[in-house]
Protein backbone atom coordinates (compact mmCIF):
# COMPACT_ATOMS: atom_id res chain seq x y z
CA MET A 1 70.97 117.53 101.38
CA ILE A 2 74.70 118.90 99.94
CA ALA A 3 74.46 122.65 101.42
CA ASP A 4 75.55 125.14 97.96
CA ARG A 5 75.14 122.16 95.61
CA ASP A 6 74.46 124.41 92.43
CA ARG A 7 78.32 125.67 93.06
CA LEU A 8 79.91 122.51 93.11
CA ALA A 9 78.50 121.36 90.07
CA SER A 10 79.75 123.50 87.85
CA THR A 11 80.58 120.55 85.24
CA ALA A 12 79.11 117.85 84.08
CA ALA A 13 81.08 114.91 86.00
CA ARG A 14 81.17 117.44 89.09
CA ASP A 15 77.16 116.79 89.06
CA VAL A 16 76.93 113.04 88.67
CA ALA A 17 80.08 112.95 91.91
CA LEU A 18 77.66 114.95 93.75
CA GLU A 19 74.46 113.01 92.91
CA CYS A 20 75.98 109.65 93.37
CA LEU A 21 76.94 110.83 96.76
CA GLU A 22 73.48 112.08 97.58
CA VAL A 23 71.76 108.56 96.56
CA GLY A 24 74.02 106.79 98.41
CA ILE A 25 73.63 108.84 101.79
CA GLU A 26 69.79 108.52 101.13
CA ALA A 27 69.98 104.82 100.55
CA GLY A 28 71.82 103.92 103.93
CA HIS A 29 69.41 106.62 106.26
CA PRO A 30 67.99 104.39 108.31
CA ARG A 31 63.71 105.48 107.51
CA THR A 32 65.50 103.14 103.89
CA VAL A 33 67.26 100.48 105.29
CA VAL A 34 64.67 99.82 108.66
CA ARG A 35 61.28 99.40 106.55
CA ASP A 36 63.10 97.12 104.15
CA ALA A 37 64.51 94.97 107.21
CA VAL A 38 61.24 95.13 109.74
CA SER A 39 58.23 93.70 109.35
CA LEU A 40 55.34 93.45 111.60
CA GLU A 41 51.89 90.83 110.69
CA GLY A 42 49.74 90.55 113.51
CA GLU A 43 51.84 89.28 116.36
CA THR A 44 54.95 88.48 114.83
CA LEU A 45 57.38 90.42 114.18
CA ARG A 46 60.74 89.90 110.93
CA ILE A 47 64.17 91.14 111.51
CA ALA A 48 66.06 90.29 108.46
CA ASP A 49 65.40 86.79 108.16
CA ALA A 50 64.24 86.39 111.86
CA THR A 51 61.04 85.84 113.22
CA TYR A 52 60.29 86.86 116.84
CA ASP A 53 56.35 86.69 118.26
CA LEU A 54 55.22 89.71 120.44
CA SER A 55 52.58 87.46 122.40
CA GLU A 56 55.34 85.92 124.06
CA TYR A 57 56.88 89.36 125.76
CA GLU A 58 55.12 91.06 128.56
CA GLU A 59 57.30 94.19 126.90
CA ILE A 60 59.21 95.98 124.07
CA VAL A 61 62.33 98.05 124.68
CA VAL A 62 64.55 100.02 122.65
CA LEU A 63 67.83 100.20 123.65
CA GLY A 64 71.41 101.52 121.96
CA GLY A 65 73.57 104.72 121.08
CA GLY A 66 74.78 105.61 117.52
CA ASN A 67 74.88 108.61 114.81
CA ALA A 68 71.34 107.11 113.89
CA ALA A 69 70.33 105.96 116.58
CA ALA A 70 67.78 108.36 117.18
CA HIS A 71 66.69 107.94 113.80
CA VAL A 72 66.53 103.81 114.11
CA ALA A 73 63.86 104.48 117.13
CA VAL A 74 61.89 106.56 114.72
CA ALA A 75 61.75 103.70 112.38
CA LEU A 76 60.94 101.00 114.57
CA GLU A 77 58.68 103.28 116.41
CA THR A 78 56.45 103.73 113.41
CA ILE A 79 56.29 100.49 112.40
CA LEU A 80 55.57 99.14 116.37
CA SER A 81 53.84 101.97 117.83
CA ASP A 82 52.73 101.60 120.86
CA ARG A 83 53.83 97.99 120.82
CA ILE A 84 56.95 99.67 121.74
CA ASP A 85 56.84 100.17 125.90
CA GLY A 86 60.00 102.61 126.71
CA GLY A 87 63.73 103.08 125.56
CA VAL A 88 66.49 105.24 125.89
CA VAL A 89 69.27 105.86 122.68
CA VAL A 90 72.23 108.02 122.68
CA THR A 91 73.18 110.12 119.54
CA ASP A 92 74.16 113.72 118.27
CA ASP A 93 71.90 113.13 115.91
CA PRO A 94 68.62 114.10 117.68
CA VAL A 95 65.49 113.55 116.54
CA GLU A 96 61.69 113.77 117.99
CA THR A 97 60.72 110.41 119.20
CA GLU A 98 56.72 109.13 120.88
CA ARG A 99 57.57 106.56 123.44
CA VAL A 100 61.80 106.03 123.31
CA ALA A 101 63.79 108.55 124.96
CA VAL A 102 67.21 110.37 123.44
CA ARG A 103 69.51 110.91 125.30
CA GLU A 104 72.71 113.48 123.49
CA GLY A 105 75.87 112.62 123.36
CA ASP A 106 79.42 113.38 121.19
CA HIS A 107 81.58 112.10 118.89
CA PRO A 108 84.24 111.28 118.21
CA VAL A 109 85.46 112.02 121.49
CA PRO A 110 83.43 111.30 124.48
CA SER A 111 81.85 114.02 126.67
CA GLU A 112 80.08 114.17 130.33
CA ARG A 113 76.22 114.32 128.80
CA GLY A 114 77.45 110.59 126.57
CA VAL A 115 78.60 108.93 129.92
CA ASP A 116 74.93 110.39 131.34
CA GLY A 117 73.34 109.03 128.51
CA THR A 118 74.55 105.48 129.03
CA ARG A 119 73.87 105.34 132.50
CA ASP A 120 70.21 105.65 131.43
CA VAL A 121 70.76 103.03 128.83
CA LEU A 122 72.53 100.79 131.60
CA GLU A 123 69.84 101.16 134.01
CA ALA A 124 67.63 99.73 131.42
CA ALA A 125 69.64 96.99 130.50
CA ASP A 126 69.31 96.21 134.42
CA ALA A 127 65.67 96.56 134.03
CA ALA A 128 64.82 94.04 131.55
CA THR A 129 63.58 90.58 132.30
CA GLU A 130 63.13 87.05 130.65
CA SER A 131 60.29 88.60 129.17
CA THR A 132 61.32 91.43 127.82
CA LEU A 133 62.72 91.86 124.50
CA VAL A 134 65.18 93.98 123.60
CA LEU A 135 65.11 95.66 120.59
CA ALA A 136 68.92 97.67 120.72
CA ALA A 137 69.66 100.19 117.82
CA ILE A 138 73.56 100.05 117.20
CA THR A 139 75.25 102.24 114.47
CA GLY A 140 78.36 103.92 113.81
CA GLY A 141 79.90 106.07 115.92
CA GLY A 142 78.47 104.36 119.13
CA SER A 143 82.04 103.76 121.12
CA ALA A 144 82.28 107.51 121.19
CA LEU A 145 78.75 108.58 122.15
CA MET A 146 78.03 105.90 124.87
CA PRO A 147 81.23 106.02 127.00
CA ALA A 148 80.87 104.22 130.34
CA PRO A 149 84.33 104.51 132.07
CA ALA A 150 85.09 101.25 134.38
CA GLY A 151 86.06 100.78 137.72
CA ASP A 152 88.58 103.77 138.36
CA VAL A 153 88.66 105.55 135.24
CA SER A 154 87.87 108.17 134.42
CA LEU A 155 85.73 110.28 131.70
CA GLU A 156 88.70 112.70 130.90
CA ALA A 157 91.51 109.64 131.22
CA LEU A 158 89.00 107.96 129.19
CA ARG A 159 88.68 111.14 126.05
CA THR A 160 92.52 111.36 126.65
CA THR A 161 92.96 107.93 125.39
CA THR A 162 91.12 107.85 122.96
CA ASP A 163 92.27 111.45 121.56
CA ALA A 164 95.79 109.41 120.92
CA LEU A 165 94.55 106.00 119.71
CA LEU A 166 92.71 108.43 117.07
CA ALA A 167 96.24 110.60 116.45
CA SER A 168 98.01 107.83 116.27
CA GLY A 169 96.84 105.63 112.87
CA ALA A 170 95.28 102.88 114.35
CA ASP A 171 92.56 100.73 112.77
CA ILE A 172 88.73 101.22 114.26
CA GLY A 173 89.57 97.57 115.70
CA GLU A 174 92.53 98.42 117.92
CA ILE A 175 90.94 101.84 119.27
CA ASN A 176 87.73 99.78 120.07
CA ALA A 177 89.82 96.46 121.36
CA VAL A 178 90.91 99.38 124.20
CA ARG A 179 87.90 101.81 124.69
CA LYS A 180 85.88 97.94 124.88
CA HIS A 181 88.46 97.01 127.92
CA LEU A 182 87.86 100.95 130.00
CA SER A 183 84.37 100.50 129.60
CA ALA A 184 81.25 98.66 131.36
CA LEU A 185 78.90 98.65 128.55
CA LYS A 186 80.89 97.94 125.14
CA GLY A 187 82.27 94.50 124.45
CA GLY A 188 79.17 92.26 124.86
CA ARG A 189 78.71 94.18 128.39
CA LEU A 190 75.45 95.26 127.44
CA ALA A 191 74.07 91.86 126.31
CA ARG A 192 75.42 90.76 129.79
CA ARG A 193 72.98 93.56 131.51
CA ALA A 194 70.40 93.05 130.19
CA ALA A 195 70.13 89.35 130.41
CA PRO A 196 68.12 86.98 130.51
CA ALA A 197 65.95 89.42 128.25
CA THR A 198 65.46 88.42 124.65
CA VAL A 199 68.08 90.76 122.54
CA ALA A 200 67.82 91.61 118.61
CA SER A 201 70.10 93.99 117.30
CA LEU A 202 69.24 95.97 114.21
CA VAL A 203 73.07 97.19 113.41
CA LEU A 204 74.22 100.00 110.71
CA SER A 205 77.87 98.72 109.64
CA ASP A 206 80.70 101.36 109.87
CA VAL A 207 82.98 98.91 110.06
CA VAL A 208 84.77 96.75 107.50
CA GLY A 209 83.82 93.51 106.96
CA ASN A 210 80.88 94.04 109.56
CA ASP A 211 82.70 92.75 112.51
CA LEU A 212 80.27 92.88 115.07
CA SER A 213 82.54 92.93 117.56
CA VAL A 214 83.37 96.14 116.46
CA ILE A 215 80.60 98.29 115.10
CA ALA A 216 80.27 100.84 118.22
CA SER A 217 82.20 98.14 120.04
CA GLY A 218 79.99 95.59 119.96
CA PRO A 219 77.76 96.01 123.08
CA VAL A 220 75.75 93.08 122.80
CA ALA A 221 78.02 91.35 120.85
CA PRO A 222 80.68 88.35 121.58
CA ASP A 223 84.47 90.01 121.97
CA GLU A 224 87.53 88.02 121.59
CA SER A 225 89.63 90.54 122.11
CA THR A 226 91.27 90.34 125.65
CA PHE A 227 92.96 93.19 128.56
CA ASP A 228 96.03 91.80 126.85
CA GLU A 229 95.15 92.48 123.18
CA ALA A 230 94.30 96.21 124.78
CA LEU A 231 98.04 96.75 126.15
CA ARG A 232 99.75 95.91 122.63
CA VAL A 233 97.55 98.26 121.42
CA LEU A 234 98.84 100.67 123.31
CA GLU A 235 102.35 99.69 122.95
CA ARG A 236 102.66 99.21 119.24
CA TYR A 237 101.59 102.99 119.10
CA GLY A 238 103.01 104.20 121.83
CA ILE A 239 100.05 106.00 123.70
CA ASP A 240 101.36 106.89 126.89
CA ALA A 241 97.88 106.14 128.63
CA PRO A 242 96.79 107.79 132.15
CA ASP A 243 97.94 106.04 135.36
CA ALA A 244 94.31 104.96 135.24
CA VAL A 245 93.64 103.65 132.29
CA ALA A 246 97.03 101.31 132.80
CA LYS A 247 96.42 100.18 135.58
CA HIS A 248 92.50 99.15 134.72
CA LEU A 249 94.42 97.49 132.11
CA GLU A 250 97.13 95.65 133.69
CA ARG A 251 94.63 94.35 136.19
CA GLY A 252 92.65 92.66 134.00
CA ALA A 253 95.68 91.76 132.04
CA ALA A 254 96.75 89.97 135.48
CA GLY A 255 93.10 88.18 135.96
CA GLU A 256 91.57 90.42 138.74
CA ARG A 257 89.15 92.03 136.74
CA ALA A 258 86.10 90.54 134.32
CA GLU A 259 86.75 89.95 130.91
CA THR A 260 84.28 90.34 128.37
CA PRO A 261 82.18 88.05 127.33
CA GLY A 262 83.28 85.45 124.52
CA PRO A 263 81.60 83.84 122.48
CA ASP A 264 81.18 81.26 124.86
CA ASP A 265 79.09 82.60 127.03
CA PRO A 266 75.24 81.60 127.60
CA VAL A 267 74.31 85.29 127.76
CA PHE A 268 74.62 85.24 124.08
CA ASP A 269 72.31 82.24 124.50
CA SER A 270 69.40 84.82 123.53
CA VAL A 271 70.89 87.42 121.66
CA SER A 272 70.44 87.79 117.84
CA ASN A 273 72.68 90.50 115.82
CA HIS A 274 70.94 91.90 112.18
CA VAL A 275 73.05 93.89 110.01
CA VAL A 276 70.54 95.74 108.28
CA ALA A 277 72.71 98.23 106.34
CA ASP A 278 76.76 98.73 105.37
CA GLY A 279 79.13 100.51 103.50
CA MET A 280 77.59 98.33 100.39
CA THR A 281 74.20 99.33 100.85
CA VAL A 282 75.85 103.01 99.75
CA LEU A 283 78.00 102.01 97.00
CA GLU A 284 75.14 99.73 95.19
CA ALA A 285 72.83 102.81 95.66
CA ALA A 286 75.67 105.12 93.65
CA ARG A 287 76.82 102.54 90.74
CA ASP A 288 72.92 102.28 90.28
CA ALA A 289 73.07 106.38 90.46
CA ALA A 290 75.62 106.50 87.75
CA VAL A 291 74.21 104.11 85.35
CA GLU A 292 71.26 106.14 85.30
CA ARG A 293 73.68 109.22 84.64
CA GLY A 294 74.29 107.27 81.57
CA TYR A 295 78.40 106.00 83.29
CA GLU A 296 79.88 102.42 83.61
CA PRO A 297 79.97 102.12 87.28
CA LEU A 298 82.75 100.10 88.71
CA VAL A 299 82.71 99.36 92.17
CA LEU A 300 86.44 98.55 93.20
CA SER A 301 86.18 97.56 96.85
CA SER A 302 84.32 98.31 100.09
CA ARG A 303 86.74 97.76 101.92
CA VAL A 304 89.68 100.36 101.51
CA ARG A 305 91.23 101.24 104.83
CA GLY A 306 95.08 102.09 105.57
CA GLU A 307 96.61 106.18 105.35
CA ALA A 308 94.35 108.20 103.15
CA ARG A 309 96.72 110.03 101.03
CA ASP A 310 98.11 106.49 100.07
CA ALA A 311 94.51 105.11 99.03
CA ALA A 312 93.68 107.97 96.85
CA THR A 313 97.29 108.09 95.03
CA THR A 314 96.04 104.21 94.12
CA HIS A 315 92.02 105.83 93.23
CA VAL A 316 93.67 107.72 90.83
CA ALA A 317 96.07 105.55 89.19
CA ILE A 318 92.49 103.66 88.43
CA ALA A 319 90.97 106.06 87.01
CA GLU A 320 93.93 107.24 85.24
CA GLU A 321 94.57 103.89 83.18
CA VAL A 322 90.23 104.00 82.76
CA ARG A 323 90.72 106.84 80.74
CA VAL A 324 93.82 106.15 78.83
CA THR A 325 93.83 102.47 78.17
CA GLY A 326 89.84 101.66 79.35
CA THR A 327 91.04 99.34 81.90
CA PRO A 328 89.08 97.93 83.08
CA VAL A 329 86.04 99.94 82.45
CA SER A 330 85.52 102.24 79.70
CA PRO A 331 85.03 105.76 80.11
CA PRO A 332 82.34 107.69 80.56
CA ALA A 333 82.70 105.45 83.93
CA VAL A 334 82.05 106.40 87.48
CA LEU A 335 84.62 104.32 89.85
CA ILE A 336 83.20 103.83 93.48
CA SER A 337 84.31 102.94 96.76
CA GLY A 338 84.12 102.59 100.91
CA GLY A 339 85.44 101.32 103.71
CA GLU A 340 87.66 103.28 106.19
CA THR A 341 90.93 105.33 105.45
CA THR A 342 93.07 106.55 108.52
CA VAL A 343 95.12 109.35 109.20
CA THR A 344 98.40 109.25 110.91
CA VAL A 345 98.65 112.99 112.80
CA ARG A 346 101.72 114.77 112.80
CA GLY A 347 100.61 117.86 112.25
CA ASP A 348 98.50 120.50 114.48
CA GLY A 349 95.50 121.15 111.84
CA THR A 350 91.98 120.90 110.81
CA GLY A 351 90.83 118.07 108.67
CA GLY A 352 90.32 114.67 107.98
CA PRO A 353 90.19 111.23 105.89
CA ASN A 354 87.97 112.11 103.26
CA GLN A 355 89.50 115.66 102.95
CA GLU A 356 92.95 114.34 103.57
CA PHE A 357 92.21 111.56 100.26
CA ALA A 358 90.45 114.57 98.51
CA THR A 359 93.75 117.26 98.63
CA SER A 360 96.11 114.39 98.12
CA ALA A 361 94.17 112.99 95.08
CA ALA A 362 93.88 116.89 93.67
CA LEU A 363 97.48 116.63 93.46
CA GLU A 364 97.50 113.96 92.04
CA LEU A 365 95.60 115.34 89.48
CA GLU A 366 97.34 119.42 89.56
CA GLY A 367 98.49 120.27 85.88
CA GLY A 368 95.23 118.15 83.81
CA GLY A 369 92.53 120.92 83.35
CA GLY A 370 90.51 120.23 85.22
CA ASP A 371 86.62 119.97 84.10
CA GLU A 372 86.16 123.82 83.46
CA GLY A 373 86.03 122.91 80.05
CA GLY A 374 82.81 120.75 80.76
CA SER A 375 79.32 121.22 80.28
CA ARG A 376 76.09 120.13 82.17
CA ASP A 377 73.64 119.75 79.23
CA GLY A 378 75.55 116.49 78.33
CA ASP A 379 75.87 114.09 80.87
CA ASP A 380 78.47 112.25 79.70
CA GLY A 381 81.08 114.70 80.13
CA SER A 382 82.81 114.16 76.04
CA ASP A 383 83.79 117.50 75.84
CA GLU A 384 85.58 117.95 79.40
CA ALA A 385 88.72 116.98 78.72
CA GLY A 386 92.47 117.98 79.26
CA SER A 387 95.46 115.78 79.70
CA SER A 388 93.81 114.39 82.84
CA GLY A 389 91.05 116.93 83.13
CA GLY A 390 88.53 113.78 82.74
CA ILE A 391 88.90 113.05 86.55
CA THR A 392 86.66 114.56 89.35
CA VAL A 393 87.20 113.10 93.06
CA ALA A 394 84.63 113.69 96.12
CA ALA A 395 84.78 111.92 99.83
CA VAL A 396 82.85 111.90 102.30
CA ASP A 397 82.32 110.56 105.57
CA THR A 398 78.62 109.37 105.50
CA ASP A 399 77.75 110.80 108.60
CA GLY A 400 78.18 114.14 107.39
CA ILE A 401 81.68 114.49 109.93
CA ASP A 402 84.29 113.76 108.54
CA GLY A 403 87.24 113.85 110.97
CA ALA A 404 86.07 116.05 113.74
CA THR A 405 84.83 118.72 111.54
CA ASP A 406 81.78 120.26 109.92
CA ALA A 407 82.87 119.30 106.97
CA ALA A 408 81.51 115.60 105.17
CA GLY A 409 84.73 115.60 102.94
CA ALA A 410 85.66 117.24 99.53
CA LEU A 411 84.90 117.74 95.46
CA VAL A 412 88.00 118.25 93.52
CA ASP A 413 89.87 118.00 90.28
CA GLY A 414 92.37 119.34 88.15
CA THR A 415 92.05 122.96 88.59
CA THR A 416 91.97 122.63 92.60
CA VAL A 417 95.58 122.92 93.20
CA ASP A 418 97.13 126.24 92.33
CA ASP A 419 99.92 125.90 94.19
CA VAL A 420 102.12 122.16 94.58
CA ASP A 421 103.67 123.79 97.64
CA ILE A 422 101.07 124.72 99.26
CA ALA A 423 98.61 121.37 98.89
CA ARG A 424 101.76 119.22 99.65
CA GLU A 425 102.40 121.62 102.56
CA SER A 426 98.89 121.36 104.23
CA LEU A 427 98.88 117.54 103.98
CA ALA A 428 102.43 117.72 105.94
CA GLU A 429 100.56 119.67 108.48
CA ASN A 430 97.17 117.58 108.39
CA ASP A 431 96.12 120.95 107.40
CA VAL A 432 93.70 120.87 104.86
CA TYR A 433 90.52 121.49 105.87
CA PRO A 434 91.47 125.59 105.71
CA TYR A 435 92.86 124.33 102.34
CA LEU A 436 89.66 122.78 101.12
CA GLU A 437 88.08 125.99 102.34
CA ALA A 438 89.57 128.23 100.64
CA ARG A 439 89.33 127.09 97.43
CA GLU A 440 85.67 126.35 97.68
CA SER A 441 85.97 122.25 97.62
CA LEU A 442 84.65 121.15 101.00
CA VAL A 443 81.38 119.39 100.86
CA PHE A 444 78.75 120.31 103.76
CA THR A 445 75.90 118.13 104.56
CA GLY A 446 74.99 118.36 108.29
CA PRO A 447 74.48 115.30 110.08
CA THR A 448 72.80 112.82 107.49
CA GLY A 449 71.43 110.39 110.23
CA THR A 450 73.24 106.90 109.47
CA ASN A 451 76.71 106.54 109.12
CA LEU A 452 78.05 103.70 106.95
CA ASN A 453 81.71 104.74 106.92
CA ASP A 454 83.56 106.20 103.73
CA LEU A 455 82.07 107.07 100.02
CA ARG A 456 84.51 107.80 97.23
CA VAL A 457 83.56 108.79 93.68
CA LEU A 458 85.74 109.02 90.75
CA VAL A 459 84.05 110.30 87.56
CA VAL A 460 86.41 109.79 84.40
CA VAL A 461 85.60 110.98 81.55
CA GLU A 462 87.07 111.10 77.88
């Protein structure tokens, strides 16, 4: 999965960090989680704790989108085979399917081909009847991959607004409050279009706390956000939105456009949502991988958020405490966290949250001697000590795309930073990709087939 792995795994600690990344990401792949959550026995389809009598439906279709949507479709086809009558999913990671059409879109910035694919999804939803069972594949990345500009809002206006929000430091909930009110699909509107069909969603969550209304902007989930809230987000972050966007939101706030369907809307009487994987899925697998290698694991949190560089400072501080005092666990140990950090863009460079996390961590570790003295022959890494050399840090986005780059993230230690001023400047300019690339610290996976937030691994040895 990880390109050039042997070179990156130059020490035991680095090898353990990479193994935790790979095992964690693989555990969150749809072929794994759908197989565990979905089964078919005769006419009874089980999805998590819910069951569906397929004899009650004349057709079964798969609709949805996101980074992992095509892989979900393949997994469902494996289980249901020719019981699936068709469907459409939009993704940036297409794979071959038998019965479900796969349309390509783009992430994190929406595109025209995403609009075209989403139009196909909406048309299929409109064709659903009371005798249709819609299996909705909803995964991280769906917000950008399924753009359906509402009213007079153009794709360019939507794209401009999305770019500004992504650069503002706004969290995913705030970004999606705006997206939902500029869309004909998000914020429960896909469920409204599919009514009166029965809708059962399979959700792979990339959102801290698994808020169904935020994951992919909640196309089949009730939405409690409002046009007013969307306007407040733009104001809070100083977003100078295009006129069409501002006017659309203002007309909605004035009651001239229909609000997104809320929890009491009867459309949700026939909708059930099932989270089949989330950030904890990945963390638990990474934890088990650490145990297999003889390390004491500690899952810090699946809900880490805020500025990436600030989160890195805190993570390294905990790792230092582990190394120096054996609190809260004793080395050799692996600290693991998930969630989704953000970057407030002030420069004009290239990078992503996980790359900034890694660069900030490397600055904290600078001068510690890294792990260059380590040997891969012994997994306990006991001979890898230096003043801070016992700490190795890996951080990736589980979809394999950190920010808008082709890197998943980075792997660093106390040897990564050879010039503090240059490292600090790269952070100040939000230009850490070339900095890490020059030091051969980037981690590349390509599209992973899933998207379950970030995965951070800190390996601590004595």
